[in-house]
């Protein structure tokens, strides 16, 4: 019953919560679950992420759900390791999805894409939790999360054609179509924030190469943000879930610390 509760929460609460303004098409969950039902490691990570979500929404039971998340993710990683054969990865802080998929042809790409994505979101949740108790490590943890989430980029780069023929093809096609449209506009106050980001980079004591990298990251974040958080007049439009999560995937040349 515990697993059924976690799966139900994922479908009806966790997935919609990952979509900006909760403008979420429920058929996306159906397609994701159809892949997970055939892929045990993905199903366990889905339940682990749901447990993390419940630890935030049911504060009185937070410790119980966090322990559940650890147990379920450990099982997910064990099953993933078995599916990879000669590769082995550890906890989210240590997981190296990009190097673990050197030969993606050995496994199906759709479940691995979803697994890398949800594992990255899980790692971000853990990073935010640790930042409250250990602020000094938050930057290193965040960079580690970004590197982990970039595993999605590796998978897409190697297997885009097969992904377009998978169960999650409609999600990818909708996302591609959205990002190919004319860029929606941002509210003025949001534009001012991005202008401030660029000003901070201009004023920073960094070499020019570092400034170029920072400006590129800001530009990509603004590009993604336009689709994830458009002007108020466009906020009711149905969108693929979690467009904002594309930012860490798009960052060029990111290296772990």
Protein backbone atom coordinates (compact mmCIF):
# COMPACT_ATOMS: atom_id res chain seq x y z
CA UNK A 1 0.00 0.00 0.00
CA UNK A 2 2.91 2.34 0.70
CA UNK A 3 4.18 2.04 -2.85
CA UNK A 4 0.70 2.60 -4.24
CA UNK A 5 0.42 5.77 -2.18
CA UNK A 6 3.73 7.04 -3.50
CA UNK A 7 2.81 6.25 -7.09
CA UNK A 8 -0.57 7.94 -6.72
CA UNK A 9 1.06 11.02 -5.19
CA UNK A 10 3.56 11.15 -8.05
CA UNK A 11 0.81 11.09 -10.69
CA UNK A 12 -1.59 13.54 -9.08
CA UNK A 13 0.72 15.84 -7.09
CA UNK A 14 4.45 15.53 -7.81
CA UNK A 15 4.32 15.66 -11.61
CA UNK A 16 1.87 18.60 -11.75
CA UNK A 17 4.02 20.43 -9.20
CA UNK A 18 6.99 20.24 -11.56
CA UNK A 19 5.07 22.08 -14.28
CA UNK A 20 5.20 25.85 -14.21
CA UNK A 21 1.90 27.35 -13.00
CA UNK A 22 0.61 23.73 -12.84
CA UNK A 23 -0.40 23.96 -16.53
CA UNK A 24 0.10 20.25 -16.95
CA UNK A 25 -1.32 17.78 -19.46
CA UNK A 26 -2.17 14.59 -17.48
CA UNK A 27 -1.51 12.41 -20.53
CA UNK A 28 2.20 13.04 -19.97
CA UNK A 29 2.01 11.20 -16.64
CA UNK A 30 0.31 8.28 -18.36
CA UNK A 31 3.16 7.99 -20.84
CA UNK A 32 5.84 8.25 -18.15
CA UNK A 33 4.17 5.60 -16.00
CA UNK A 34 3.81 3.28 -19.01
CA UNK A 35 7.61 3.40 -19.38
CA UNK A 36 8.18 2.97 -15.63
CA UNK A 37 5.96 -0.12 -15.46
CA UNK A 38 8.44 -1.84 -17.77
CA UNK A 39 11.55 -0.46 -16.04
CA UNK A 40 11.96 -1.26 -12.33
CA UNK A 41 14.85 1.17 -11.70
CA UNK A 42 12.76 4.04 -13.08
CA UNK A 43 9.72 3.05 -11.01
CA UNK A 44 11.78 3.02 -7.81
CA UNK A 45 13.22 6.47 -8.56
CA UNK A 46 9.73 7.79 -9.30
CA UNK A 47 8.57 6.55 -5.89
CA UNK A 48 11.71 7.99 -4.26
CA UNK A 49 11.03 11.40 -5.78
CA UNK A 50 7.41 11.18 -4.65
CA UNK A 51 8.62 10.41 -1.11
CA UNK A 52 10.86 13.51 -1.19
CA UNK A 53 7.85 15.55 -2.29
CA UNK A 54 5.73 14.15 0.53
CA UNK A 55 8.46 14.99 3.04
CA UNK A 56 7.86 18.64 2.10
CA UNK A 57 4.06 18.55 2.01
CA UNK A 58 3.55 16.35 5.11
CA UNK A 59 5.99 17.99 7.47
CA UNK A 60 4.93 15.94 10.53
CA UNK A 61 6.03 12.78 8.65
CA UNK A 62 9.08 14.31 6.98
CA UNK A 63 11.63 11.98 8.57
CA UNK A 64 9.64 8.89 7.60
CA UNK A 65 9.35 9.97 3.95
CA UNK A 66 13.00 11.02 3.72
CA UNK A 67 14.03 7.58 4.95
CA UNK A 68 11.70 6.05 2.39
CA UNK A 69 13.28 8.19 -0.32
CA UNK A 70 16.77 6.99 0.62
CA UNK A 71 15.70 3.33 0.64
CA UNK A 72 13.87 3.58 -2.67
CA UNK A 73 16.63 5.49 -4.41
CA UNK A 74 19.23 3.01 -3.20
CA UNK A 75 17.18 0.22 -4.77
CA UNK A 76 16.72 2.26 -7.96
CA UNK A 77 20.47 2.77 -8.29
CA UNK A 78 21.16 -0.90 -7.58
CA UNK A 79 18.74 -1.94 -10.32
CA UNK A 80 20.20 0.65 -12.68
CA UNK A 81 23.71 -0.65 -12.01
CA UNK A 82 22.53 -4.18 -12.83
CA UNK A 83 21.01 -2.98 -16.10
CA UNK A 84 24.29 -1.27 -17.04
CA UNK A 85 26.39 -4.39 -16.49
CA UNK A 86 29.93 -3.11 -16.12
CA UNK A 87 29.04 0.36 -14.86
CA UNK A 88 28.39 1.31 -11.25
CA UNK A 89 27.02 4.51 -9.75
CA UNK A 90 26.30 5.53 -6.17
CA UNK A 91 24.15 8.08 -4.43
CA UNK A 92 22.91 11.24 -6.14
CA UNK A 93 25.91 13.18 -4.86
CA UNK A 94 28.25 10.66 -6.51
CA UNK A 95 26.23 9.58 -9.53
CA UNK A 96 27.96 10.15 -12.86
CA UNK A 97 25.20 9.59 -15.39
CA UNK A 98 27.15 11.25 -18.27
CA UNK A 99 30.04 8.74 -18.04
CA UNK A 100 27.74 5.84 -17.20
CA UNK A 101 26.12 5.97 -20.62
CA UNK A 102 29.13 5.67 -22.90
CA UNK A 103 27.32 2.87 -24.73
CA UNK A 104 23.66 3.79 -24.52
CA UNK A 105 22.79 1.24 -27.18
CA UNK A 106 22.93 -1.46 -24.51
CA UNK A 107 19.75 -0.16 -22.85
CA UNK A 108 16.54 1.57 -23.87
CA UNK A 109 16.91 5.33 -24.11
CA UNK A 110 13.43 6.47 -22.95
CA UNK A 111 13.61 5.04 -19.41
CA UNK A 112 17.19 6.21 -19.04
CA UNK A 113 16.25 9.73 -20.12
CA UNK A 114 13.45 9.83 -17.55
CA UNK A 115 15.68 8.29 -14.90
CA UNK A 116 18.44 10.87 -15.43
CA UNK A 117 15.88 13.68 -15.33
CA UNK A 118 14.17 12.54 -12.12
CA UNK A 119 17.50 11.69 -10.50
CA UNK A 120 18.65 15.23 -11.25
CA UNK A 121 15.52 16.77 -9.72
CA UNK A 122 15.97 14.52 -6.68
CA UNK A 123 19.57 15.70 -6.36
CA UNK A 124 18.45 19.34 -6.49
CA UNK A 125 15.95 18.71 -3.69
CA UNK A 126 18.73 17.16 -1.61
CA UNK A 127 21.02 20.09 -2.40
CA UNK A 128 18.45 22.61 -1.20
CA UNK A 129 17.88 20.63 2.00
CA UNK A 130 21.60 20.48 2.77
CA UNK A 131 22.01 24.20 2.07
CA UNK A 132 19.89 25.02 5.12
CA UNK A 133 22.23 23.18 7.48
CA UNK A 134 25.52 23.70 5.60
CA UNK A 135 25.39 26.90 3.48
CA UNK A 136 29.13 26.76 2.76
CA UNK A 137 28.76 23.59 0.69
CA UNK A 138 25.71 24.75 -1.27
CA UNK A 139 27.61 26.03 -4.33
CA UNK A 140 29.62 22.83 -4.75
CA UNK A 141 26.45 20.78 -4.26
CA UNK A 142 24.60 22.86 -6.85
CA UNK A 143 27.37 22.46 -9.43
CA UNK A 144 27.34 18.70 -8.77
CA UNK A 145 23.58 18.72 -9.38
CA UNK A 146 24.01 20.61 -12.66
CA UNK A 147 26.59 18.10 -13.85
CA UNK A 148 24.33 15.20 -12.91
CA UNK A 149 21.31 16.67 -14.69
CA UNK A 150 23.38 17.12 -17.84
CA UNK A 151 23.20 13.35 -18.23
CA UNK A 152 19.95 14.14 -20.02
CA UNK A 153 21.94 15.96 -22.71
CA UNK A 154 24.16 12.94 -23.30
CA UNK A 155 21.17 10.65 -23.72
CA UNK A 156 19.33 12.97 -26.10
CA UNK A 157 22.48 13.51 -28.13
CA UNK A 158 23.05 9.79 -28.64
CA UNK A 159 19.50 8.56 -29.11
CA UNK A 160 17.20 11.31 -30.35
CA UNK A 161 15.83 9.25 -33.24
CA UNK A 162 14.94 6.28 -31.04
CA UNK A 163 13.38 8.62 -28.45
CA UNK A 164 11.08 9.99 -31.16
CA UNK A 165 9.72 6.45 -31.61
CA UNK A 166 9.32 5.77 -27.88
CA UNK A 167 6.34 6.06 -25.53
CA UNK A 168 7.44 9.56 -24.50
CA UNK A 169 7.71 10.84 -28.07
CA UNK A 170 4.67 13.19 -27.75
CA UNK A 171 6.29 14.95 -24.77
CA UNK A 172 9.52 15.50 -26.72
CA UNK A 173 7.71 16.60 -29.87
CA UNK A 174 5.56 19.09 -27.93
CA UNK A 175 8.62 20.48 -26.19
CA UNK A 176 10.53 20.78 -29.45
CA UNK A 177 7.58 22.55 -31.09
CA UNK A 178 7.24 24.97 -28.18
CA UNK A 179 10.92 25.91 -28.22
CA UNK A 180 10.82 26.35 -32.01
CA UNK A 181 8.04 28.95 -31.87
CA UNK A 182 8.67 32.68 -31.73
CA UNK A 183 10.00 33.52 -28.29
CA UNK A 184 7.29 34.67 -25.88
CA UNK A 185 7.91 37.90 -24.03
CA UNK A 186 8.83 38.29 -20.38
CA UNK A 187 7.26 40.68 -17.93
CA UNK A 188 9.29 43.84 -17.45
CA UNK A 189 10.27 43.07 -13.84
CA UNK A 190 11.73 39.72 -14.92
CA UNK A 191 13.77 41.38 -17.66
CA UNK A 192 15.19 43.77 -15.07
CA UNK A 193 16.38 40.82 -12.99
CA UNK A 194 18.27 39.34 -15.94
CA UNK A 195 19.79 42.73 -16.69
CA UNK A 196 20.98 42.84 -13.09
CA UNK A 197 22.56 39.39 -13.48
CA UNK A 198 24.56 40.63 -16.45
CA UNK A 199 25.59 43.76 -14.55
CA UNK A 200 26.90 41.60 -11.70
CA UNK A 201 29.01 39.65 -14.18
CA UNK A 202 30.35 42.86 -15.73
CA UNK A 203 31.39 44.11 -12.29
CA UNK A 204 32.84 40.80 -11.08
CA UNK A 205 36.55 40.22 -10.57
CA UNK A 206 36.85 37.41 -13.13
CA UNK A 207 38.85 36.77 -16.25
CA UNK A 208 37.16 37.30 -19.59
CA UNK A 209 36.67 33.58 -20.28
CA UNK A 210 34.78 33.19 -17.00
CA UNK A 211 32.63 36.21 -17.80
CA UNK A 212 31.77 34.79 -21.22
CA UNK A 213 30.74 31.49 -19.61
CA UNK A 214 28.56 33.32 -17.07
CA UNK A 215 26.90 35.47 -19.74
CA UNK A 216 26.19 32.35 -21.78
CA UNK A 217 24.56 30.67 -18.77
CA UNK A 218 22.44 33.77 -18.11
CA UNK A 219 21.39 33.98 -21.75
CA UNK A 220 20.34 30.33 -21.78
CA UNK A 221 18.44 30.75 -18.52
CA UNK A 222 16.58 33.73 -19.97
CA UNK A 223 15.79 31.75 -23.13
CA UNK A 224 14.30 28.86 -21.13
CA UNK A 225 12.57 31.17 -18.67
CA UNK A 226 10.63 32.85 -21.48
CA UNK A 227 8.86 29.57 -22.21
CA UNK A 228 8.52 28.42 -18.62
CA UNK A 229 7.26 31.74 -17.25
CA UNK A 230 5.85 33.84 -20.11
CA UNK A 231 3.88 37.04 -19.67
CA UNK A 232 0.82 36.76 -17.45
CA UNK A 233 -1.51 36.83 -20.46
CA UNK A 234 -0.01 33.53 -21.71
CA UNK A 235 0.18 31.61 -18.43
CA UNK A 236 -2.88 29.40 -18.97
CA UNK A 237 -1.46 27.73 -22.06
CA UNK A 238 -0.82 23.99 -21.61
CA UNK A 239 2.87 23.20 -21.77
CA UNK A 240 5.11 20.15 -21.46
CA UNK A 241 6.13 19.67 -17.82
CA UNK A 242 9.21 21.36 -16.43
CA UNK A 243 10.52 23.42 -19.35
CA UNK A 244 12.74 25.23 -16.85
CA UNK A 245 14.67 21.97 -16.26
CA UNK A 246 16.11 22.34 -19.75
CA UNK A 247 18.57 24.97 -18.49
CA UNK A 248 21.13 22.64 -16.84
CA UNK A 249 20.87 20.35 -19.86
CA UNK A 250 21.77 23.20 -22.24
CA UNK A 251 24.79 24.57 -20.35
CA UNK A 252 27.91 24.11 -22.51
CA UNK A 253 31.23 22.82 -21.23
CA UNK A 254 30.18 22.28 -17.61
CA UNK A 255 32.81 20.51 -15.51
CA UNK A 256 32.39 18.96 -12.04
CA UNK A 257 34.29 20.73 -9.23
